């Protein structure tokens, strides 16, 4: 079973590192009608990426799941098992948001999206291209070697909001697969509440305002 899961979770070779923050102007150029660029999302869906099963609970690749769990804890959400996901509905400010943890394994993350509109998505995921513990908000862009994002983009395109949680690059001699499936660092754990704050900012104030708040150095 483990060998099969490892094959399913096989990641691509390391990507080119970039440390530039996501500019708010990128989001400002998009729609300002409550969809992916301007104001608050109309029916937000927080889509935390990760892998099901206790083996993966505290791995770097499950940062998205932990953010969804943090939001459920803050806002009194009760998890319920759906066909391909675990789901909880919570109230955040004036909005009702769906928290989703797909149960399809990372490489098939897009398979649990059928019931949701792309413009409502806030995808929360780990990111090798950010230093461990850094949180950034982004609209659009490519998969950058992340197989969960690749699955979503292949089904829905890339015009959705992302909350990225930096996990840093693997040390010399460790493969990307082994690294992302390794135990989460203290810096990443400490960033989970901050990433949950970023999700709340997207929902309450919109992606552009969230980028202005979170995509700063220091």
C-alpha atoms as a PDB file:
ATOM      1  CA  UNK A   1       0.000   0.000   0.000  1.00  0.00           C
ATOM      2  CA  UNK A   2       2.837   2.404   0.942  1.00  0.00           C
ATOM      3  CA  UNK A   3       4.644   1.733  -2.342  1.00  0.00           C
ATOM      4  CA  UNK A   4       1.467   2.492  -4.262  1.00  0.00           C
ATOM      5  CA  UNK A   5       0.879   5.730  -2.342  1.00  0.00           C
ATOM      6  CA  UNK A   6       4.499   6.782  -2.854  1.00  0.00           C
ATOM      7  CA  UNK A   7       4.130   6.305  -6.609  1.00  0.00           C
ATOM      8  CA  UNK A   8       0.885   8.280  -6.555  1.00  0.00           C
ATOM      9  CA  UNK A   9       2.533  11.121  -4.684  1.00  0.00           C
ATOM     10  CA  UNK A  10       5.718  11.279  -6.798  1.00  0.00           C
ATOM     11  CA  UNK A  11       6.714  14.914  -7.248  1.00  0.00           C
ATOM     12  CA  UNK A  12       8.585  16.629 -10.087  1.00  0.00           C
ATOM     13  CA  UNK A  13      12.266  17.651  -9.860  1.00  0.00           C
ATOM     14  CA  UNK A  14      13.091  20.833  -7.867  1.00  0.00           C
ATOM     15  CA  UNK A  15      11.932  24.118  -9.329  1.00  0.00           C
ATOM     16  CA  UNK A  16      13.835  27.346  -9.763  1.00  0.00           C
ATOM     17  CA  UNK A  17      13.663  29.337  -6.548  1.00  0.00           C
ATOM     18  CA  UNK A  18      12.115  32.763  -6.481  1.00  0.00           C
ATOM     19  CA  UNK A  19      11.597  34.958  -3.463  1.00  0.00           C
ATOM     20  CA  UNK A  20       9.701  37.840  -5.020  1.00  0.00           C
ATOM     21  CA  UNK A  21       6.441  38.677  -3.242  1.00  0.00           C
ATOM     22  CA  UNK A  22       3.250  38.522  -5.281  1.00  0.00           C
ATOM     23  CA  UNK A  23       2.336  42.076  -6.355  1.00  0.00           C
ATOM     24  CA  UNK A  24      -1.131  43.312  -5.576  1.00  0.00           C
ATOM     25  CA  UNK A  25      -1.308  44.761  -9.077  1.00  0.00           C
ATOM     26  CA  UNK A  26      -1.691  41.282 -10.504  1.00  0.00           C
ATOM     27  CA  UNK A  27      -4.891  40.814  -8.570  1.00  0.00           C
ATOM     28  CA  UNK A  28      -6.052  44.354  -9.310  1.00  0.00           C
ATOM     29  CA  UNK A  29      -5.931  43.637 -13.024  1.00  0.00           C
ATOM     30  CA  UNK A  30      -8.526  40.931 -12.584  1.00  0.00           C
ATOM     31  CA  UNK A  31     -12.240  41.129 -11.954  1.00  0.00           C
ATOM     32  CA  UNK A  32     -13.434  43.455  -9.196  1.00  0.00           C
ATOM     33  CA  UNK A  33     -16.983  42.126  -8.935  1.00  0.00           C
ATOM     34  CA  UNK A  34     -16.500  39.795  -5.972  1.00  0.00           C
ATOM     35  CA  UNK A  35     -14.731  37.051  -7.904  1.00  0.00           C
ATOM     36  CA  UNK A  36     -10.989  36.409  -8.157  1.00  0.00           C
ATOM     37  CA  UNK A  37      -9.471  39.871  -8.146  1.00  0.00           C
ATOM     38  CA  UNK A  38     -11.287  42.662  -6.308  1.00  0.00           C
ATOM     39  CA  UNK A  39     -13.840  42.492  -3.497  1.00  0.00           C
ATOM     40  CA  UNK A  40     -14.864  39.677  -1.174  1.00  0.00           C
ATOM     41  CA  UNK A  41     -15.750  36.320  -2.723  1.00  0.00           C
ATOM     42  CA  UNK A  42     -19.469  35.636  -2.999  1.00  0.00           C
ATOM     43  CA  UNK A  43     -19.548  31.987  -1.899  1.00  0.00           C
ATOM     44  CA  UNK A  44     -16.021  31.186  -0.743  1.00  0.00           C
ATOM     45  CA  UNK A  45     -14.689  27.647  -0.863  1.00  0.00           C
ATOM     46  CA  UNK A  46     -11.490  27.107   1.124  1.00  0.00           C
ATOM     47  CA  UNK A  47      -9.794  24.168  -0.555  1.00  0.00           C
ATOM     48  CA  UNK A  48      -6.939  22.930   1.627  1.00  0.00           C
ATOM     49  CA  UNK A  49      -4.553  20.561  -0.135  1.00  0.00           C
ATOM     50  CA  UNK A  50      -3.085  17.501   1.533  1.00  0.00           C
ATOM     51  CA  UNK A  51      -3.121  13.716   1.681  1.00  0.00           C
ATOM     52  CA  UNK A  52      -5.610  11.624   3.665  1.00  0.00           C
ATOM     53  CA  UNK A  53      -4.546   9.235   6.394  1.00  0.00           C
ATOM     54  CA  UNK A  54      -2.723   9.481   9.698  1.00  0.00           C
ATOM     55  CA  UNK A  55       0.630   8.763   8.057  1.00  0.00           C
ATOM     56  CA  UNK A  56       0.565  12.194   6.396  1.00  0.00           C
ATOM     57  CA  UNK A  57      -1.101  14.317   9.094  1.00  0.00           C
ATOM     58  CA  UNK A  58       1.932  16.380  10.122  1.00  0.00           C
ATOM     59  CA  UNK A  59       3.898  16.358   6.891  1.00  0.00           C
ATOM     60  CA  UNK A  60       4.901  19.494   5.006  1.00  0.00           C
ATOM     61  CA  UNK A  61       2.585  18.542   2.133  1.00  0.00           C
ATOM     62  CA  UNK A  62      -0.428  18.706   4.475  1.00  0.00           C
ATOM     63  CA  UNK A  63      -0.137  22.377   5.375  1.00  0.00           C
ATOM     64  CA  UNK A  64      -3.376  23.093   3.497  1.00  0.00           C
ATOM     65  CA  UNK A  65      -5.291  20.533   5.560  1.00  0.00           C
ATOM     66  CA  UNK A  66      -4.004  22.091   8.786  1.00  0.00           C
ATOM     67  CA  UNK A  67      -5.168  25.556   7.744  1.00  0.00           C
ATOM     68  CA  UNK A  68      -8.637  24.184   7.004  1.00  0.00           C
ATOM     69  CA  UNK A  69      -8.621  22.505  10.434  1.00  0.00           C
ATOM     70  CA  UNK A  70      -7.584  25.787  12.074  1.00  0.00           C
ATOM     71  CA  UNK A  71     -10.442  27.658  10.393  1.00  0.00           C
ATOM     72  CA  UNK A  72     -12.926  24.961  11.440  1.00  0.00           C
ATOM     73  CA  UNK A  73     -11.672  25.232  15.029  1.00  0.00           C
ATOM     74  CA  UNK A  74     -11.948  29.044  15.055  1.00  0.00           C
ATOM     75  CA  UNK A  75     -15.428  29.176  13.581  1.00  0.00           C
ATOM     76  CA  UNK A  76     -17.104  26.079  14.978  1.00  0.00           C
ATOM     77  CA  UNK A  77     -17.100  23.934  11.847  1.00  0.00           C
ATOM     78  CA  UNK A  78     -17.988  20.231  12.046  1.00  0.00           C
ATOM     79  CA  UNK A  79     -16.308  17.964   9.531  1.00  0.00           C
ATOM     80  CA  UNK A  80     -18.518  15.632   7.508  1.00  0.00           C
ATOM     81  CA  UNK A  81     -17.393  12.988   5.059  1.00  0.00           C
ATOM     82  CA  UNK A  82     -18.510  13.508   1.467  1.00  0.00           C
ATOM     83  CA  UNK A  83     -17.912  11.260  -1.546  1.00  0.00           C
ATOM     84  CA  UNK A  84     -14.406  12.583  -2.287  1.00  0.00           C
ATOM     85  CA  UNK A  85     -13.743  15.044   0.508  1.00  0.00           C
ATOM     86  CA  UNK A  86     -14.278  16.098   4.078  1.00  0.00           C
ATOM     87  CA  UNK A  87     -16.339  19.277   4.344  1.00  0.00           C
ATOM     88  CA  UNK A  88     -17.382  21.799   6.973  1.00  0.00           C
ATOM     89  CA  UNK A  89     -19.448  24.971   6.626  1.00  0.00           C
ATOM     90  CA  UNK A  90     -18.594  27.986   8.757  1.00  0.00           C
ATOM     91  CA  UNK A  91     -19.625  31.625   9.058  1.00  0.00           C
ATOM     92  CA  UNK A  92     -16.836  34.157   8.525  1.00  0.00           C
ATOM     93  CA  UNK A  93     -18.072  37.696   8.948  1.00  0.00           C
ATOM     94  CA  UNK A  94     -20.994  38.142   6.586  1.00  0.00           C
ATOM     95  CA  UNK A  95     -20.109  35.097   4.476  1.00  0.00           C
ATOM     96  CA  UNK A  96     -20.786  31.385   4.733  1.00  0.00           C
ATOM     97  CA  UNK A  97     -17.702  29.479   3.628  1.00  0.00           C
ATOM     98  CA  UNK A  98     -17.213  25.846   2.738  1.00  0.00           C
ATOM     99  CA  UNK A  99     -14.024  24.271   4.081  1.00  0.00           C
ATOM    100  CA  UNK A 100     -12.905  21.336   1.954  1.00  0.00           C
ATOM    101  CA  UNK A 101     -10.189  18.716   2.446  1.00  0.00           C
ATOM    102  CA  UNK A 102     -10.081  16.484  -0.669  1.00  0.00           C
ATOM    103  CA  UNK A 103      -9.562  12.810   0.144  1.00  0.00           C
ATOM    104  CA  UNK A 104      -8.225  11.839  -3.281  1.00  0.00           C
ATOM    105  CA  UNK A 105      -4.451  12.060  -2.602  1.00  0.00           C
ATOM    106  CA  UNK A 106      -2.509  15.094  -3.744  1.00  0.00           C
ATOM    107  CA  UNK A 107      -2.018  14.189  -7.402  1.00  0.00           C
ATOM    108  CA  UNK A 108      -5.784  13.987  -7.968  1.00  0.00           C
ATOM    109  CA  UNK A 109      -6.802  17.018  -5.895  1.00  0.00           C
ATOM    110  CA  UNK A 110      -8.977  18.425  -8.684  1.00  0.00           C
ATOM    111  CA  UNK A 111     -11.294  15.409  -8.647  1.00  0.00           C
ATOM    112  CA  UNK A 112     -13.263  16.693  -5.644  1.00  0.00           C
ATOM    113  CA  UNK A 113     -14.103  20.078  -7.210  1.00  0.00           C
ATOM    114  CA  UNK A 114     -17.231  19.130  -9.140  1.00  0.00           C
ATOM    115  CA  UNK A 115     -19.689  20.943  -6.868  1.00  0.00           C
ATOM    116  CA  UNK A 116     -17.823  24.269  -6.754  1.00  0.00           C
ATOM    117  CA  UNK A 117     -17.249  27.268  -9.010  1.00  0.00           C
ATOM    118  CA  UNK A 118     -13.667  28.157  -9.879  1.00  0.00           C
ATOM    119  CA  UNK A 119     -14.200  31.837  -9.047  1.00  0.00           C
ATOM    120  CA  UNK A 120     -15.134  30.883  -5.468  1.00  0.00           C
ATOM    121  CA  UNK A 121     -11.963  28.903  -4.757  1.00  0.00           C
ATOM    122  CA  UNK A 122      -9.273  29.764  -2.237  1.00  0.00           C
ATOM    123  CA  UNK A 123      -6.706  26.992  -2.609  1.00  0.00           C
ATOM    124  CA  UNK A 124      -4.358  26.633   0.368  1.00  0.00           C
ATOM    125  CA  UNK A 125      -1.119  24.747  -0.251  1.00  0.00           C
ATOM    126  CA  UNK A 126       2.525  24.220   0.675  1.00  0.00           C
ATOM    127  CA  UNK A 127       5.106  25.957  -1.512  1.00  0.00           C
ATOM    128  CA  UNK A 128       8.746  24.969  -2.037  1.00  0.00           C
ATOM    129  CA  UNK A 129       9.575  28.354  -3.559  1.00  0.00           C
ATOM    130  CA  UNK A 130       8.907  30.279  -0.346  1.00  0.00           C
ATOM    131  CA  UNK A 131      11.084  30.141   2.744  1.00  0.00           C
ATOM    132  CA  UNK A 132       9.689  28.001   5.554  1.00  0.00           C
ATOM    133  CA  UNK A 133       6.980  29.873   7.430  1.00  0.00           C
ATOM    134  CA  UNK A 134       6.364  32.602   4.827  1.00  0.00           C
ATOM    135  CA  UNK A 135       2.712  33.154   3.830  1.00  0.00           C
ATOM    136  CA  UNK A 136       1.691  34.804   0.570  1.00  0.00           C
ATOM    137  CA  UNK A 137      -1.584  35.397  -1.300  1.00  0.00           C
ATOM    138  CA  UNK A 138      -1.707  34.995  -5.074  1.00  0.00           C
ATOM    139  CA  UNK A 139      -4.241  35.033  -7.915  1.00  0.00           C
ATOM    140  CA  UNK A 140      -3.553  32.857 -10.972  1.00  0.00           C
ATOM    141  CA  UNK A 141      -0.198  31.496 -12.072  1.00  0.00           C
ATOM    142  CA  UNK A 142       1.093  28.063 -12.982  1.00  0.00           C
ATOM    143  CA  UNK A 143       1.456  24.859 -11.010  1.00  0.00           C
ATOM    144  CA  UNK A 144       5.166  25.394 -10.421  1.00  0.00           C
ATOM    145  CA  UNK A 145       5.763  21.671 -10.018  1.00  0.00           C
ATOM    146  CA  UNK A 146       3.025  21.207  -7.384  1.00  0.00           C
ATOM    147  CA  UNK A 147       1.005  18.180  -8.461  1.00  0.00           C
ATOM    148  CA  UNK A 148      -2.085  19.162  -6.486  1.00  0.00           C
ATOM    149  CA  UNK A 149      -2.200  22.519  -8.265  1.00  0.00           C
ATOM    150  CA  UNK A 150      -1.520  20.822 -11.577  1.00  0.00           C
ATOM    151  CA  UNK A 151      -4.573  18.596 -11.065  1.00  0.00           C
ATOM    152  CA  UNK A 152      -6.795  21.589 -10.279  1.00  0.00           C
ATOM    153  CA  UNK A 153      -5.497  23.680 -13.175  1.00  0.00           C
ATOM    154  CA  UNK A 154      -5.957  20.820 -15.631  1.00  0.00           C
ATOM    155  CA  UNK A 155      -9.651  20.678 -14.730  1.00  0.00           C
ATOM    156  CA  UNK A 156     -10.506  24.326 -14.002  1.00  0.00           C
ATOM    157  CA  UNK A 157      -7.810  26.610 -15.353  1.00  0.00           C
ATOM    158  CA  UNK A 158      -5.724  28.833 -13.095  1.00  0.00           C
ATOM    159  CA  UNK A 159      -7.953  31.821 -12.313  1.00  0.00           C
ATOM    160  CA  UNK A 160      -8.403  31.208  -8.599  1.00  0.00           C
ATOM    161  CA  UNK A 161      -7.018  32.599  -5.352  1.00  0.00           C
ATOM    162  CA  UNK A 162      -4.188  30.815  -3.545  1.00  0.00           C
ATOM    163  CA  UNK A 163      -2.818  31.082  -0.051  1.00  0.00           C
ATOM    164  CA  UNK A 164       0.747  29.772  -0.173  1.00  0.00           C
ATOM    165  CA  UNK A 165       2.633  28.451   2.849  1.00  0.00           C
ATOM    166  CA  UNK A 166       6.384  28.310   2.426  1.00  0.00           C
ATOM    167  CA  UNK A 167       8.156  25.079   3.332  1.00  0.00           C
ATOM    168  CA  UNK A 168      11.570  25.915   1.828  1.00  0.00           C
ATOM    169  CA  UNK A 169      13.741  23.683  -0.343  1.00  0.00           C
ATOM    170  CA  UNK A 170      15.004  20.211   0.564  1.00  0.00           C
ATOM    171  CA  UNK A 171      18.597  19.919   1.765  1.00  0.00           C
ATOM    172  CA  UNK A 172      21.223  18.425  -0.523  1.00  0.00           C
ATOM    173  CA  UNK A 173      20.785  14.675  -0.849  1.00  0.00           C
ATOM    174  CA  UNK A 174      17.043  14.594  -0.070  1.00  0.00           C
ATOM    175  CA  UNK A 175      14.498  14.201  -2.867  1.00  0.00           C
ATOM    176  CA  UNK A 176      11.570  16.559  -3.188  1.00  0.00           C
ATOM    177  CA  UNK A 177       9.153  13.681  -2.596  1.00  0.00           C
ATOM    178  CA  UNK A 178      10.825  12.621   0.641  1.00  0.00           C
ATOM    179  CA  UNK A 179      11.052  16.237   1.751  1.00  0.00           C
ATOM    180  CA  UNK A 180       7.396  17.194   1.246  1.00  0.00           C
ATOM    181  CA  UNK A 181       6.326  13.926   2.889  1.00  0.00           C
ATOM    182  CA  UNK A 182       8.641  14.561   5.835  1.00  0.00           C
ATOM    183  CA  UNK A 183       7.686  15.953   9.229  1.00  0.00           C
ATOM    184  CA  UNK A 184       6.677  19.593   9.249  1.00  0.00           C
ATOM    185  CA  UNK A 185       9.216  22.101  10.568  1.00  0.00           C
ATOM    186  CA  UNK A 186       8.461  24.349  13.535  1.00  0.00           C
ATOM    187  CA  UNK A 187       8.451  27.413  11.234  1.00  0.00           C
ATOM    188  CA  UNK A 188       5.737  25.869   9.063  1.00  0.00           C
ATOM    189  CA  UNK A 189       3.628  24.850  12.062  1.00  0.00           C
ATOM    190  CA  UNK A 190       3.836  28.384  13.412  1.00  0.00           C
ATOM    191  CA  UNK A 191       2.688  29.759  10.036  1.00  0.00           C
ATOM    192  CA  UNK A 192      -0.594  27.819  10.033  1.00  0.00           C
ATOM    193  CA  UNK A 193      -2.550  30.424  12.076  1.00  0.00           C
ATOM    194  CA  UNK A 194      -1.043  33.200   9.942  1.00  0.00           C
ATOM    195  CA  UNK A 195      -2.209  31.416   6.782  1.00  0.00           C
ATOM    196  CA  UNK A 196      -5.678  31.054   8.322  1.00  0.00           C
ATOM    197  CA  UNK A 197      -5.613  34.824   8.919  1.00  0.00           C
ATOM    198  CA  UNK A 198      -4.795  35.281   5.215  1.00  0.00           C
ATOM    199  CA  UNK A 199      -7.768  33.146   4.190  1.00  0.00           C
ATOM    200  CA  UNK A 200     -10.041  35.197   6.438  1.00  0.00           C
ATOM    201  CA  UNK A 201      -8.672  38.385   4.880  1.00  0.00           C
ATOM    202  CA  UNK A 202      -9.430  37.109   1.372  1.00  0.00           C
ATOM    203  CA  UNK A 203     -12.977  36.237   2.383  1.00  0.00           C
ATOM    204  CA  UNK A 204     -13.697  39.412   4.343  1.00  0.00           C
ATOM    205  CA  UNK A 205     -11.839  42.050   2.296  1.00  0.00           C
ATOM    206  CA  UNK A 206     -11.030  40.410  -1.048  1.00  0.00           C
ATOM    207  CA  UNK A 207      -7.842  39.086  -2.681  1.00  0.00           C
ATOM    208  CA  UNK A 208      -6.372  42.486  -3.522  1.00  0.00           C
ATOM    209  CA  UNK A 209      -6.622  43.749   0.052  1.00  0.00           C
ATOM    210  CA  UNK A 210      -5.244  40.452   1.348  1.00  0.00           C
ATOM    211  CA  UNK A 211      -2.249  40.693  -1.017  1.00  0.00           C
ATOM    212  CA  UNK A 212      -1.551  44.246   0.143  1.00  0.00           C
ATOM    213  CA  UNK A 213      -1.554  43.010   3.745  1.00  0.00           C
ATOM    214  CA  UNK A 214       0.334  39.723   3.474  1.00  0.00           C
ATOM    215  CA  UNK A 215       2.665  40.089   0.489  1.00  0.00           C
ATOM    216  CA  UNK A 216       5.177  42.302   2.256  1.00  0.00           C
ATOM    217  CA  UNK A 217       8.718  41.630   3.394  1.00  0.00           C
ATOM    218  CA  UNK A 218       9.786  41.635   6.979  1.00  0.00           C
END
